[in-house]
């Protein structure tokens, strides 16, 4: 059993994984927001009952909530059957994918991974003390870090006896080129009218692809 102690830590990366339903045994892809889906049809009641007295307002709200609960219990069989069919199909896909992946890995790696997962799942404390096998270190890089790396490379080149070819720094040059490519893309898009031919549209798409490839290089 998992006890949720407020949403504060759950919305951050450090506290998200211990509360993730995808990582809890027996939960999986549980549809925990199903009860909230009946809230939106009731939003209109607030406007239609705001001028009524407390007694009438409470009676109308109780009638609507009771009707929705009756519909929920009436259709729960159909809902569960539909979800069961989807779950079985998805389960089969995941089982076959797991078998194929396991067959391509070393058995010692699989045993080590399973042992880490079991230890992490059996640690019911919060925060968990066992190492999280599902945690992936951040692999993104920010624009500021890229500029810093380029500046360090230019500094190393100058210290080794190299010369600055111009006053524009490397990171400034790349930033200027990116701006030029973006402006060029906008100009190309504006230059083609709404009634352009297929040839004109094809040429535009081809030029846009070339510029996008240069931007990613």
N, C-alpha and C. Protein backbone atom coordinates (compact mmCIF):
# COMPACT_ATOMS: atom_id res chain seq x y z
N UNK A 1 0.85 -1.19 0.00
CA UNK A 1 0.00 0.00 0.00
C UNK A 1 0.89 1.24 0.00
N UNK A 2 0.51 2.22 -0.83
CA UNK A 2 1.26 3.47 -0.92
C UNK A 2 0.43 4.59 -0.32
N UNK A 3 0.99 5.31 0.61
CA UNK A 3 0.30 6.41 1.26
C UNK A 3 0.78 7.71 0.63
N UNK A 4 -0.14 8.46 0.04
CA UNK A 4 0.20 9.73 -0.59
C UNK A 4 0.11 10.84 0.44
N UNK A 5 1.18 11.61 0.57
CA UNK A 5 1.23 12.64 1.60
C UNK A 5 1.26 14.03 0.98
N UNK A 6 0.28 14.33 0.17
CA UNK A 6 0.23 15.65 -0.45
C UNK A 6 0.85 15.63 -1.82
N UNK A 7 0.52 16.65 -2.63
CA UNK A 7 0.97 16.70 -4.01
C UNK A 7 2.26 17.49 -4.20
N UNK A 8 2.74 18.15 -3.15
CA UNK A 8 3.88 19.03 -3.31
C UNK A 8 5.07 18.36 -3.96
N UNK A 9 5.57 17.26 -3.34
CA UNK A 9 6.74 16.60 -3.87
C UNK A 9 6.47 15.79 -5.11
N UNK A 10 5.21 15.43 -5.35
CA UNK A 10 4.88 14.60 -6.51
C UNK A 10 5.03 15.34 -7.82
N UNK A 11 4.92 16.67 -7.79
CA UNK A 11 4.99 17.46 -9.01
C UNK A 11 6.42 17.77 -9.42
N UNK A 12 7.40 17.39 -8.62
CA UNK A 12 8.79 17.62 -8.94
C UNK A 12 9.44 16.30 -9.34
N UNK A 13 10.56 16.41 -10.07
CA UNK A 13 11.22 15.21 -10.59
C UNK A 13 11.67 14.29 -9.48
N UNK A 14 12.22 14.87 -8.39
CA UNK A 14 12.75 14.04 -7.31
C UNK A 14 11.66 13.23 -6.62
N UNK A 15 10.43 13.76 -6.52
CA UNK A 15 9.36 13.05 -5.83
C UNK A 15 8.36 12.39 -6.74
N UNK A 16 8.57 12.45 -8.05
CA UNK A 16 7.60 11.89 -8.97
C UNK A 16 7.68 10.37 -9.06
N UNK A 17 8.90 9.85 -9.14
CA UNK A 17 9.06 8.42 -9.36
C UNK A 17 8.53 7.57 -8.21
N UNK A 18 8.74 7.93 -6.93
CA UNK A 18 8.18 7.10 -5.85
C UNK A 18 6.67 7.01 -5.87
N UNK A 19 5.98 8.02 -6.46
CA UNK A 19 4.52 8.02 -6.49
C UNK A 19 3.95 7.61 -7.85
N UNK A 20 4.81 7.33 -8.82
CA UNK A 20 4.33 7.02 -10.16
C UNK A 20 3.59 5.69 -10.17
N UNK A 21 2.38 5.69 -10.69
CA UNK A 21 1.61 4.45 -10.77
C UNK A 21 2.25 3.45 -11.72
N UNK A 22 3.02 3.93 -12.69
CA UNK A 22 3.68 3.03 -13.62
C UNK A 22 4.73 2.17 -12.94
N UNK A 23 5.20 2.58 -11.77
CA UNK A 23 6.26 1.86 -11.07
C UNK A 23 5.77 1.15 -9.82
N UNK A 24 4.46 1.16 -9.58
CA UNK A 24 3.90 0.51 -8.38
C UNK A 24 3.36 -0.87 -8.76
N UNK A 25 3.76 -1.91 -8.05
CA UNK A 25 3.23 -3.25 -8.35
C UNK A 25 1.72 -3.30 -8.19
N UNK A 26 1.04 -3.81 -9.22
CA UNK A 26 -0.41 -3.94 -9.16
C UNK A 26 -1.18 -2.75 -9.64
N UNK A 27 -0.50 -1.62 -9.89
CA UNK A 27 -1.20 -0.42 -10.34
C UNK A 27 -1.14 -0.29 -11.86
N UNK A 28 0.08 -0.24 -12.38
CA UNK A 28 0.23 -0.14 -13.83
C UNK A 28 -0.43 1.10 -14.38
N UNK A 29 -1.20 0.93 -15.45
CA UNK A 29 -1.87 2.06 -16.10
C UNK A 29 -3.29 2.22 -15.55
N UNK A 30 -3.42 2.31 -14.24
CA UNK A 30 -4.73 2.47 -13.62
C UNK A 30 -5.34 3.82 -14.00
N UNK A 31 -6.62 3.79 -14.28
CA UNK A 31 -7.34 5.01 -14.66
C UNK A 31 -7.88 5.66 -13.39
N UNK A 32 -7.00 6.35 -12.67
CA UNK A 32 -7.41 6.94 -11.39
C UNK A 32 -8.17 8.25 -11.53
N UNK A 33 -8.29 8.77 -12.73
CA UNK A 33 -9.03 10.01 -12.93
C UNK A 33 -10.44 9.77 -13.42
N UNK A 34 -10.85 8.52 -13.46
CA UNK A 34 -12.21 8.22 -13.92
C UNK A 34 -13.28 8.91 -13.08
N UNK A 35 -13.15 8.95 -11.73
CA UNK A 35 -14.19 9.65 -10.95
C UNK A 35 -14.27 11.14 -11.25
N UNK A 36 -13.17 11.73 -11.72
CA UNK A 36 -13.18 13.18 -11.96
C UNK A 36 -13.85 13.55 -13.28
N UNK A 37 -14.07 12.58 -14.16
CA UNK A 37 -14.63 12.89 -15.47
C UNK A 37 -16.09 13.34 -15.38
N UNK A 38 -16.76 13.02 -14.29
CA UNK A 38 -18.16 13.42 -14.17
C UNK A 38 -18.27 14.82 -13.56
N UNK A 39 -17.14 15.43 -13.25
CA UNK A 39 -17.21 16.77 -12.66
C UNK A 39 -17.54 17.83 -13.71
N UNK A 40 -16.98 17.70 -14.90
CA UNK A 40 -17.18 18.74 -15.91
C UNK A 40 -18.65 18.93 -16.29
N UNK A 41 -19.47 17.87 -16.43
CA UNK A 41 -20.89 18.12 -16.74
C UNK A 41 -21.62 18.86 -15.63
N UNK A 42 -21.06 18.85 -14.42
CA UNK A 42 -21.73 19.51 -13.30
C UNK A 42 -21.35 20.99 -13.18
N UNK A 43 -20.41 21.45 -14.02
CA UNK A 43 -20.03 22.86 -13.94
C UNK A 43 -21.20 23.79 -14.24
N UNK A 44 -22.08 23.35 -15.12
CA UNK A 44 -23.23 24.20 -15.47
C UNK A 44 -24.18 24.37 -14.30
N UNK A 45 -24.14 23.45 -13.35
CA UNK A 45 -25.05 23.56 -12.20
C UNK A 45 -24.72 24.77 -11.33
N UNK A 46 -23.45 25.15 -11.29
CA UNK A 46 -23.09 26.29 -10.45
C UNK A 46 -23.73 27.57 -10.94
N UNK A 47 -23.85 27.71 -12.25
CA UNK A 47 -24.46 28.93 -12.79
C UNK A 47 -25.98 28.89 -12.71
N UNK A 48 -26.55 27.69 -12.89
CA UNK A 48 -28.01 27.61 -12.89
C UNK A 48 -28.59 27.62 -11.48
N UNK A 49 -27.80 27.31 -10.48
CA UNK A 49 -28.33 27.24 -9.10
C UNK A 49 -27.81 28.36 -8.20
N UNK A 50 -27.03 29.30 -8.75
CA UNK A 50 -26.43 30.32 -7.89
C UNK A 50 -27.46 31.32 -7.35
N UNK A 51 -28.61 31.44 -8.03
CA UNK A 51 -29.63 32.37 -7.55
C UNK A 51 -30.65 31.69 -6.64
N UNK A 52 -30.52 30.40 -6.41
CA UNK A 52 -31.49 29.67 -5.59
C UNK A 52 -31.09 29.71 -4.12
N UNK A 53 -32.04 29.39 -3.31
CA UNK A 53 -31.77 29.31 -1.89
C UNK A 53 -31.00 28.04 -1.54
N UNK A 54 -30.47 27.96 -0.33
CA UNK A 54 -29.67 26.78 0.05
C UNK A 54 -30.42 25.47 -0.07
N UNK A 55 -31.68 25.46 0.36
CA UNK A 55 -32.43 24.20 0.31
C UNK A 55 -32.64 23.70 -1.10
N UNK A 56 -33.15 24.58 -1.98
CA UNK A 56 -33.39 24.18 -3.38
C UNK A 56 -32.09 23.80 -4.07
N UNK A 57 -31.04 24.58 -3.79
CA UNK A 57 -29.75 24.30 -4.44
C UNK A 57 -29.22 22.93 -4.03
N UNK A 58 -29.30 22.61 -2.75
CA UNK A 58 -28.82 21.32 -2.28
C UNK A 58 -29.64 20.17 -2.87
N UNK A 59 -30.95 20.37 -2.98
CA UNK A 59 -31.79 19.31 -3.55
C UNK A 59 -31.44 19.04 -5.01
N UNK A 60 -31.25 20.09 -5.79
CA UNK A 60 -30.94 19.92 -7.21
C UNK A 60 -29.57 19.26 -7.39
N UNK A 61 -28.61 19.71 -6.60
CA UNK A 61 -27.28 19.10 -6.69
C UNK A 61 -27.32 17.62 -6.31
N UNK A 62 -28.05 17.30 -5.26
CA UNK A 62 -28.16 15.90 -4.84
C UNK A 62 -28.83 15.06 -5.93
N UNK A 63 -29.85 15.62 -6.59
CA UNK A 63 -30.53 14.88 -7.66
C UNK A 63 -29.58 14.60 -8.82
N UNK A 64 -28.82 15.60 -9.21
CA UNK A 64 -27.88 15.41 -10.33
C UNK A 64 -26.77 14.42 -9.96
N UNK A 65 -26.22 14.56 -8.77
CA UNK A 65 -25.15 13.64 -8.36
C UNK A 65 -25.67 12.21 -8.23
N UNK A 66 -26.90 12.08 -7.71
CA UNK A 66 -27.48 10.75 -7.61
C UNK A 66 -27.72 10.11 -8.97
N UNK A 67 -28.16 10.92 -9.94
CA UNK A 67 -28.40 10.39 -11.28
C UNK A 67 -27.10 9.93 -11.93
N UNK A 68 -26.04 10.73 -11.75
CA UNK A 68 -24.74 10.36 -12.34
C UNK A 68 -24.19 9.11 -11.67
N UNK A 69 -24.39 8.97 -10.37
CA UNK A 69 -23.94 7.75 -9.69
C UNK A 69 -24.72 6.53 -10.18
N UNK A 70 -25.99 6.72 -10.44
CA UNK A 70 -26.80 5.62 -10.96
C UNK A 70 -26.32 5.21 -12.35
N UNK A 71 -26.01 6.21 -13.20
CA UNK A 71 -25.48 5.88 -14.52
C UNK A 71 -24.14 5.14 -14.41
N UNK A 72 -23.31 5.57 -13.47
CA UNK A 72 -22.01 4.92 -13.31
C UNK A 72 -22.16 3.45 -12.93
N UNK A 73 -23.02 3.16 -11.96
CA UNK A 73 -23.22 1.77 -11.54
C UNK A 73 -23.94 0.96 -12.62
N UNK A 74 -24.81 1.61 -13.36
CA UNK A 74 -25.54 0.92 -14.42
C UNK A 74 -24.62 0.49 -15.55
N UNK A 75 -23.64 1.33 -15.89
CA UNK A 75 -22.76 1.06 -17.03
C UNK A 75 -21.40 0.52 -16.61
N UNK A 76 -21.22 0.19 -15.34
CA UNK A 76 -19.90 -0.24 -14.88
C UNK A 76 -19.48 -1.56 -15.53
N UNK A 77 -20.45 -2.43 -15.81
CA UNK A 77 -20.11 -3.69 -16.48
C UNK A 77 -19.55 -3.46 -17.87
N UNK A 78 -20.24 -2.61 -18.65
CA UNK A 78 -19.76 -2.31 -20.00
C UNK A 78 -18.40 -1.62 -19.97
N UNK A 79 -18.23 -0.73 -19.01
CA UNK A 79 -16.96 -0.02 -18.89
C UNK A 79 -15.82 -0.97 -18.57
N UNK A 80 -16.04 -1.88 -17.63
CA UNK A 80 -14.98 -2.81 -17.24
C UNK A 80 -14.64 -3.78 -18.36
N UNK A 81 -15.64 -4.23 -19.11
CA UNK A 81 -15.37 -5.13 -20.23
C UNK A 81 -14.55 -4.42 -21.30
N UNK A 82 -14.89 -3.18 -21.61
CA UNK A 82 -14.12 -2.43 -22.61
C UNK A 82 -12.68 -2.23 -22.17
N UNK A 83 -12.50 -1.86 -20.90
CA UNK A 83 -11.15 -1.66 -20.40
C UNK A 83 -10.38 -2.98 -20.31
N UNK A 84 -11.08 -4.07 -20.02
CA UNK A 84 -10.44 -5.37 -19.91
C UNK A 84 -9.90 -5.83 -21.27
N UNK A 85 -10.67 -5.62 -22.32
CA UNK A 85 -10.22 -6.00 -23.66
C UNK A 85 -8.97 -5.21 -24.06
N UNK A 86 -8.98 -3.92 -23.76
CA UNK A 86 -7.80 -3.10 -24.09
C UNK A 86 -6.60 -3.55 -23.25
N UNK A 87 -6.84 -3.84 -21.98
CA UNK A 87 -5.73 -4.24 -21.10
C UNK A 87 -5.12 -5.56 -21.54
N UNK A 88 -5.95 -6.52 -21.95
CA UNK A 88 -5.42 -7.81 -22.39
C UNK A 88 -4.56 -7.65 -23.65
N UNK A 89 -5.03 -6.86 -24.59
CA UNK A 89 -4.26 -6.64 -25.81
C UNK A 89 -2.93 -5.95 -25.50
N UNK A 90 -2.95 -4.94 -24.65
CA UNK A 90 -1.72 -4.25 -24.30
C UNK A 90 -0.79 -5.16 -23.49
N UNK A 91 -1.37 -6.01 -22.63
CA UNK A 91 -0.57 -6.95 -21.85
C UNK A 91 0.19 -7.90 -22.77
N UNK A 92 -0.47 -8.40 -23.79
CA UNK A 92 0.18 -9.32 -24.72
C UNK A 92 1.34 -8.66 -25.45
N UNK A 93 1.14 -7.40 -25.84
CA UNK A 93 2.22 -6.68 -26.53
C UNK A 93 3.42 -6.49 -25.60
N UNK A 94 3.14 -6.12 -24.35
CA UNK A 94 4.23 -5.89 -23.40
C UNK A 94 4.95 -7.19 -23.05
N UNK A 95 4.21 -8.29 -22.92
CA UNK A 95 4.83 -9.57 -22.60
C UNK A 95 5.78 -10.01 -23.72
N UNK A 96 5.31 -9.89 -24.95
CA UNK A 96 6.17 -10.28 -26.08
C UNK A 96 7.38 -9.36 -26.20
N UNK A 97 7.17 -8.07 -25.95
CA UNK A 97 8.31 -7.15 -25.97
C UNK A 97 9.32 -7.46 -24.88
N UNK A 98 8.82 -7.84 -23.70
CA UNK A 98 9.71 -8.19 -22.59
C UNK A 98 10.48 -9.47 -22.90
N UNK A 99 9.83 -10.43 -23.51
CA UNK A 99 10.52 -11.67 -23.87
C UNK A 99 11.60 -11.41 -24.90
N UNK A 100 11.29 -10.61 -25.92
CA UNK A 100 12.29 -10.32 -26.93
C UNK A 100 13.49 -9.58 -26.37
N UNK A 101 13.23 -8.60 -25.49
CA UNK A 101 14.33 -7.85 -24.89
C UNK A 101 15.16 -8.73 -23.97
N UNK A 102 14.50 -9.58 -23.17
CA UNK A 102 15.23 -10.45 -22.24
C UNK A 102 16.10 -11.45 -22.99
N UNK A 103 15.62 -11.91 -24.14
CA UNK A 103 16.39 -12.89 -24.90
C UNK A 103 17.67 -12.29 -25.48
N UNK A 104 17.70 -10.98 -25.66
CA UNK A 104 18.86 -10.32 -26.24
C UNK A 104 19.87 -9.85 -25.20
N UNK A 105 19.57 -10.04 -23.91
CA UNK A 105 20.44 -9.56 -22.85
C UNK A 105 21.11 -10.72 -22.13
N UNK A 106 22.18 -10.38 -21.45
CA UNK A 106 22.88 -11.36 -20.64
C UNK A 106 22.04 -11.69 -19.40
N UNK A 107 21.99 -12.95 -19.04
CA UNK A 107 21.16 -13.38 -17.91
C UNK A 107 21.64 -12.76 -16.60
N UNK A 108 22.93 -12.53 -16.45
CA UNK A 108 23.42 -11.90 -15.22
C UNK A 108 22.93 -10.47 -15.10
N UNK A 109 22.81 -9.78 -16.23
CA UNK A 109 22.29 -8.41 -16.21
C UNK A 109 20.82 -8.42 -15.84
N UNK A 110 20.07 -9.38 -16.36
CA UNK A 110 18.64 -9.47 -16.05
C UNK A 110 18.43 -9.77 -14.57
N UNK A 111 19.20 -10.70 -14.02
CA UNK A 111 19.06 -11.04 -12.61
C UNK A 111 19.41 -9.86 -11.70
N UNK A 112 20.45 -9.12 -12.08
CA UNK A 112 20.84 -7.95 -11.30
C UNK A 112 19.75 -6.89 -11.36
N UNK A 113 19.16 -6.68 -12.52
CA UNK A 113 18.10 -5.69 -12.68
C UNK A 113 16.86 -6.09 -11.88
N UNK A 114 16.46 -7.35 -11.97
CA UNK A 114 15.28 -7.80 -11.23
C UNK A 114 15.49 -7.68 -9.73
N UNK A 115 16.70 -7.98 -9.26
CA UNK A 115 16.99 -7.85 -7.84
C UNK A 115 16.89 -6.40 -7.39
N UNK A 116 17.39 -5.46 -8.19
CA UNK A 116 17.30 -4.03 -7.86
C UNK A 116 15.85 -3.58 -7.82
N UNK A 117 15.04 -4.07 -8.77
CA UNK A 117 13.63 -3.68 -8.81
C UNK A 117 12.87 -4.19 -7.59
N UNK A 118 13.12 -5.44 -7.21
CA UNK A 118 12.43 -6.01 -6.05
C UNK A 118 12.83 -5.29 -4.76
N UNK A 119 14.10 -4.99 -4.61
CA UNK A 119 14.54 -4.27 -3.41
C UNK A 119 13.92 -2.89 -3.33
N UNK A 120 13.81 -2.22 -4.48
CA UNK A 120 13.23 -0.88 -4.49
C UNK A 120 11.73 -0.92 -4.22
N UNK A 121 11.04 -1.92 -4.75
CA UNK A 121 9.59 -2.04 -4.55
C UNK A 121 9.25 -2.43 -3.11
N UNK A 122 10.10 -3.24 -2.49
CA UNK A 122 9.84 -3.68 -1.12
C UNK A 122 10.20 -2.64 -0.08
N UNK A 123 10.90 -1.60 -0.48
CA UNK A 123 11.21 -0.51 0.44
C UNK A 123 10.00 0.42 0.51
N UNK A 124 9.19 0.27 1.55
CA UNK A 124 7.93 1.01 1.65
C UNK A 124 8.09 2.37 2.33
N UNK A 125 9.29 2.70 2.75
CA UNK A 125 9.50 4.00 3.38
C UNK A 125 9.54 5.13 2.37
N UNK A 126 9.43 6.33 2.86
CA UNK A 126 9.53 7.50 1.99
C UNK A 126 10.31 8.60 2.71
N UNK A 127 11.37 9.11 2.10
CA UNK A 127 11.85 8.68 0.78
C UNK A 127 12.51 7.31 0.83
N UNK A 128 12.47 6.59 -0.27
CA UNK A 128 13.05 5.25 -0.32
C UNK A 128 14.57 5.33 -0.16
N UNK A 129 15.11 4.37 0.57
CA UNK A 129 16.55 4.33 0.80
C UNK A 129 17.28 3.48 -0.25
N UNK A 130 16.56 2.58 -0.88
CA UNK A 130 17.18 1.75 -1.90
C UNK A 130 17.39 2.55 -3.19
N UNK A 131 18.36 2.13 -3.96
CA UNK A 131 18.66 2.80 -5.22
C UNK A 131 17.52 2.60 -6.20
N UNK A 132 17.09 3.68 -6.82
CA UNK A 132 15.98 3.62 -7.77
C UNK A 132 16.49 3.14 -9.12
N UNK A 133 16.09 1.94 -9.55
CA UNK A 133 16.57 1.43 -10.85
C UNK A 133 15.94 2.11 -12.04
N UNK A 134 14.86 2.86 -11.82
CA UNK A 134 14.16 3.51 -12.92
C UNK A 134 14.64 4.93 -13.17
N UNK A 135 15.48 5.42 -12.29
CA UNK A 135 15.93 6.81 -12.42
C UNK A 135 16.92 6.95 -13.57
N UNK A 136 16.68 7.96 -14.40
CA UNK A 136 17.57 8.25 -15.54
C UNK A 136 18.16 9.64 -15.33
N UNK A 137 19.46 9.72 -15.37
CA UNK A 137 20.11 11.01 -15.19
C UNK A 137 19.77 11.95 -16.35
N UNK A 138 19.68 13.24 -16.01
CA UNK A 138 19.37 14.23 -17.04
C UNK A 138 20.45 14.23 -18.11
N UNK A 139 20.01 14.22 -19.36
CA UNK A 139 20.95 14.21 -20.47
C UNK A 139 20.82 15.45 -21.36
N UNK A 140 19.98 16.41 -20.95
CA UNK A 140 19.81 17.60 -21.77
C UNK A 140 20.95 18.58 -21.50
N UNK A 141 21.12 19.51 -22.39
CA UNK A 141 22.15 20.52 -22.26
C UNK A 141 21.52 21.87 -22.58
N UNK A 142 21.80 22.86 -21.76
CA UNK A 142 21.19 24.17 -21.91
C UNK A 142 21.99 25.03 -22.88
N UNK A 143 21.36 26.11 -23.34
CA UNK A 143 22.04 27.04 -24.23
C UNK A 143 23.23 27.71 -23.54
N UNK A 144 23.07 28.01 -22.25
CA UNK A 144 24.16 28.64 -21.51
C UNK A 144 25.37 27.71 -21.41
N UNK A 145 25.12 26.40 -21.22
CA UNK A 145 26.23 25.46 -21.12
C UNK A 145 26.94 25.32 -22.47
N UNK A 146 26.17 25.36 -23.55
CA UNK A 146 26.79 25.28 -24.88
C UNK A 146 27.69 26.48 -25.11
N UNK A 147 27.20 27.67 -24.76
CA UNK A 147 28.02 28.88 -24.92
C UNK A 147 29.29 28.79 -24.07
N UNK A 148 29.15 28.24 -22.87
CA UNK A 148 30.31 28.10 -21.99
C UNK A 148 31.33 27.15 -22.60
N UNK A 149 30.86 26.04 -23.17
CA UNK A 149 31.78 25.09 -23.78
C UNK A 149 32.48 25.70 -24.99
N UNK A 150 31.74 26.45 -25.80
CA UNK A 150 32.36 27.09 -26.96
C UNK A 150 33.39 28.13 -26.52
N UNK A 151 33.07 28.87 -25.46
CA UNK A 151 34.02 29.87 -24.95
C UNK A 151 35.29 29.19 -24.44
N UNK A 152 35.13 28.04 -23.75
CA UNK A 152 36.29 27.31 -23.26
C UNK A 152 37.15 26.80 -24.41
N UNK A 153 36.51 26.31 -25.47
CA UNK A 153 37.26 25.84 -26.63
C UNK A 153 38.03 26.98 -27.29
N UNK A 154 37.39 28.14 -27.41
CA UNK A 154 38.08 29.28 -28.01
C UNK A 154 39.23 29.75 -27.12
N UNK A 155 39.01 29.72 -25.80
CA UNK A 155 40.07 30.12 -24.87
C UNK A 155 41.26 29.18 -24.97
N UNK A 156 40.99 27.88 -25.06
CA UNK A 156 42.08 26.91 -25.18
C UNK A 156 42.85 27.10 -26.48
N UNK A 157 42.13 27.41 -27.56
CA UNK A 157 42.81 27.63 -28.84
C UNK A 157 43.70 28.86 -28.79
N UNK A 158 43.23 29.94 -28.15
CA UNK A 158 44.03 31.16 -28.05
C UNK A 158 45.26 30.94 -27.17
N UNK A 159 45.08 30.17 -26.09
CA UNK A 159 46.21 29.91 -25.20
C UNK A 159 47.29 29.06 -25.87
N UNK A 160 46.85 28.21 -26.80
CA UNK A 160 47.81 27.35 -27.48
C UNK A 160 48.52 28.04 -28.64
N UNK A 161 48.29 29.34 -28.81
CA UNK A 161 48.97 30.07 -29.87
C UNK A 161 48.10 30.44 -31.04
N UNK A 162 46.85 30.05 -31.01
CA UNK A 162 45.96 30.41 -32.10
C UNK A 162 45.58 31.87 -32.07
N UNK A 163 45.03 32.35 -33.16
CA UNK A 163 44.63 33.76 -33.25
C UNK A 163 43.14 33.84 -33.52
N UNK A 164 42.56 34.93 -33.10
CA UNK A 164 41.14 35.17 -33.36
C UNK A 164 40.98 35.70 -34.77
N UNK A 165 40.21 34.99 -35.58
CA UNK A 165 40.04 35.40 -36.97
C UNK A 165 39.22 36.67 -37.09
N UNK A 166 38.33 36.92 -36.16
CA UNK A 166 37.54 38.14 -36.16
C UNK A 166 37.08 38.41 -34.75
N UNK A 167 36.38 39.51 -34.59
CA UNK A 167 35.93 39.89 -33.26
C UNK A 167 34.70 39.14 -32.80
N UNK A 168 34.03 38.48 -33.72
CA UNK A 168 32.82 37.75 -33.37
C UNK A 168 33.18 36.41 -32.74
N UNK A 169 32.64 36.14 -31.59
CA UNK A 169 32.92 34.88 -30.91
C UNK A 169 32.19 33.74 -31.60
N UNK A 170 32.63 32.52 -31.30
CA UNK A 170 32.05 31.36 -31.96
C UNK A 170 30.57 31.22 -31.62
N UNK A 171 30.24 31.38 -30.33
CA UNK A 171 28.83 31.22 -29.94
C UNK A 171 27.96 32.33 -30.54
N UNK A 172 28.54 33.56 -30.67
CA UNK A 172 27.78 34.65 -31.28
C UNK A 172 27.55 34.38 -32.76
N UNK A 173 28.54 33.80 -33.41
CA UNK A 173 28.40 33.48 -34.84
C UNK A 173 27.29 32.46 -35.04
N UNK A 174 27.29 31.40 -34.22
CA UNK A 174 26.24 30.38 -34.34
C UNK A 174 24.87 30.97 -34.04
N UNK A 175 24.79 31.86 -33.07
CA UNK A 175 23.50 32.48 -32.75
C UNK A 175 23.02 33.33 -33.92
N UNK A 176 23.93 34.07 -34.54
CA UNK A 176 23.56 34.90 -35.70
C UNK A 176 23.09 34.03 -36.86
N UNK A 177 23.78 32.92 -37.11
CA UNK A 177 23.39 32.04 -38.20
C UNK A 177 22.01 31.42 -37.93
N UNK A 178 21.74 31.07 -36.68
CA UNK A 178 20.42 30.53 -36.36
C UNK A 178 19.33 31.55 -36.62
N UNK A 179 19.58 32.79 -36.26
CA UNK A 179 18.61 33.85 -36.51
C UNK A 179 18.39 34.04 -38.00
N UNK A 180 19.47 33.97 -38.76
CA UNK A 180 19.35 34.12 -40.22
C UNK A 180 18.52 32.98 -40.82
N UNK A 181 18.74 31.76 -40.37
CA UNK A 181 17.99 30.62 -40.88
C UNK A 181 16.51 30.75 -40.55
N UNK A 182 16.21 31.21 -39.35
CA UNK A 182 14.81 31.37 -38.96
C UNK A 182 14.13 32.45 -39.77
N UNK A 183 14.82 33.56 -39.97
CA UNK A 183 14.26 34.64 -40.79
C UNK A 183 14.06 34.17 -42.22
N UNK A 184 14.99 33.36 -42.73
CA UNK A 184 14.87 32.84 -44.08
C UNK A 184 13.65 31.93 -44.21
N UNK A 185 13.41 31.10 -43.20
CA UNK A 185 12.24 30.23 -43.23
C UNK A 185 10.95 31.03 -43.25
N UNK A 186 10.88 32.09 -42.45
CA UNK A 186 9.68 32.93 -42.43
C UNK A 186 9.46 33.61 -43.78
N UNK A 187 10.53 34.09 -44.38
CA UNK A 187 10.41 34.75 -45.69
C UNK A 187 9.93 33.78 -46.76
N UNK A 188 10.45 32.56 -46.72
CA UNK A 188 10.02 31.58 -47.71
C UNK A 188 8.55 31.24 -47.55
N UNK A 189 8.09 31.14 -46.31
CA UNK A 189 6.69 30.80 -46.06
C UNK A 189 5.76 31.93 -46.50
N UNK A 190 6.17 33.17 -46.29
CA UNK A 190 5.33 34.31 -46.67
C UNK A 190 5.33 34.53 -48.18
N UNK A 191 6.38 34.09 -48.84
CA UNK A 191 6.49 34.34 -50.28
C UNK A 191 5.59 33.48 -51.12
N UNK A 192 5.05 32.43 -50.59
CA UNK A 192 4.18 31.53 -51.34
C UNK A 192 2.73 31.86 -51.03
N UNK A 193 1.97 32.13 -52.04
CA UNK A 193 0.57 32.52 -51.86
C UNK A 193 -0.27 31.29 -51.52
N UNK A 194 -1.49 31.58 -51.09
CA UNK A 194 -2.38 30.48 -50.71
C UNK A 194 -2.75 29.62 -51.90
N UNK A 195 -2.76 30.20 -53.13
CA UNK A 195 -3.13 29.46 -54.33
C UNK A 195 -1.89 28.98 -55.09
N UNK A 196 -0.82 28.70 -54.38
CA UNK A 196 0.41 28.27 -55.04
C UNK A 196 0.22 26.89 -55.67
N UNK A 197 1.00 26.62 -56.71
CA UNK A 197 0.94 25.34 -57.38
C UNK A 197 1.67 24.28 -56.58
N UNK A 198 1.47 23.03 -56.99
CA UNK A 198 2.15 21.95 -56.29
C UNK A 198 3.66 22.05 -56.44
N UNK A 199 4.11 22.55 -57.59
CA UNK A 199 5.56 22.70 -57.80
C UNK A 199 6.13 23.74 -56.86
N UNK A 200 5.43 24.87 -56.71
CA UNK A 200 5.90 25.92 -55.80
C UNK A 200 5.90 25.43 -54.36
N UNK A 201 4.86 24.72 -53.97
CA UNK A 201 4.81 24.19 -52.60
C UNK A 201 5.91 23.17 -52.37
N UNK A 202 6.17 22.33 -53.38
CA UNK A 202 7.25 21.36 -53.24
C UNK A 202 8.61 22.01 -53.11
N UNK A 203 8.85 23.08 -53.91
CA UNK A 203 10.13 23.80 -53.82
C UNK A 203 10.28 24.45 -52.45
N UNK A 204 9.18 25.01 -51.93
CA UNK A 204 9.23 25.62 -50.61
C UNK A 204 9.57 24.60 -49.53
N UNK A 205 8.90 23.45 -49.58
CA UNK A 205 9.17 22.41 -48.60
C UNK A 205 10.60 21.93 -48.68
N UNK A 206 11.12 21.79 -49.90
CA UNK A 206 12.51 21.34 -50.07
C UNK A 206 13.49 22.35 -49.48
N UNK A 207 13.26 23.64 -49.74
CA UNK A 207 14.15 24.66 -49.18
C UNK A 207 14.05 24.71 -47.65
N UNK A 208 12.85 24.54 -47.14
CA UNK A 208 12.68 24.53 -45.68
C UNK A 208 13.42 23.35 -45.06
N UNK A 209 13.37 22.20 -45.72
CA UNK A 209 14.08 21.04 -45.19
C UNK A 209 15.58 21.26 -45.18
N UNK A 210 16.10 21.91 -46.22
CA UNK A 210 17.54 22.19 -46.28
C UNK A 210 17.94 23.12 -45.14
N UNK A 211 17.13 24.18 -44.93
CA UNK A 211 17.46 25.12 -43.86
C UNK A 211 17.35 24.47 -42.49
N UNK A 212 16.34 23.63 -42.30
CA UNK A 212 16.21 22.94 -41.01
C UNK A 212 17.40 22.01 -40.76
N UNK A 213 17.86 21.36 -41.82
CA UNK A 213 19.03 20.49 -41.67
C UNK A 213 20.26 21.30 -41.27
N UNK A 214 20.40 22.50 -41.83
CA UNK A 214 21.53 23.35 -41.47
C UNK A 214 21.42 23.83 -40.02
N UNK A 215 20.18 24.10 -39.58
CA UNK A 215 19.99 24.55 -38.21
C UNK A 215 20.34 23.45 -37.21
N UNK A 216 20.08 22.20 -37.58
CA UNK A 216 20.37 21.09 -36.67
C UNK A 216 21.83 20.67 -36.70
N UNK A 217 22.54 21.06 -37.74
CA UNK A 217 23.94 20.65 -37.88
C UNK A 217 24.82 21.33 -36.83
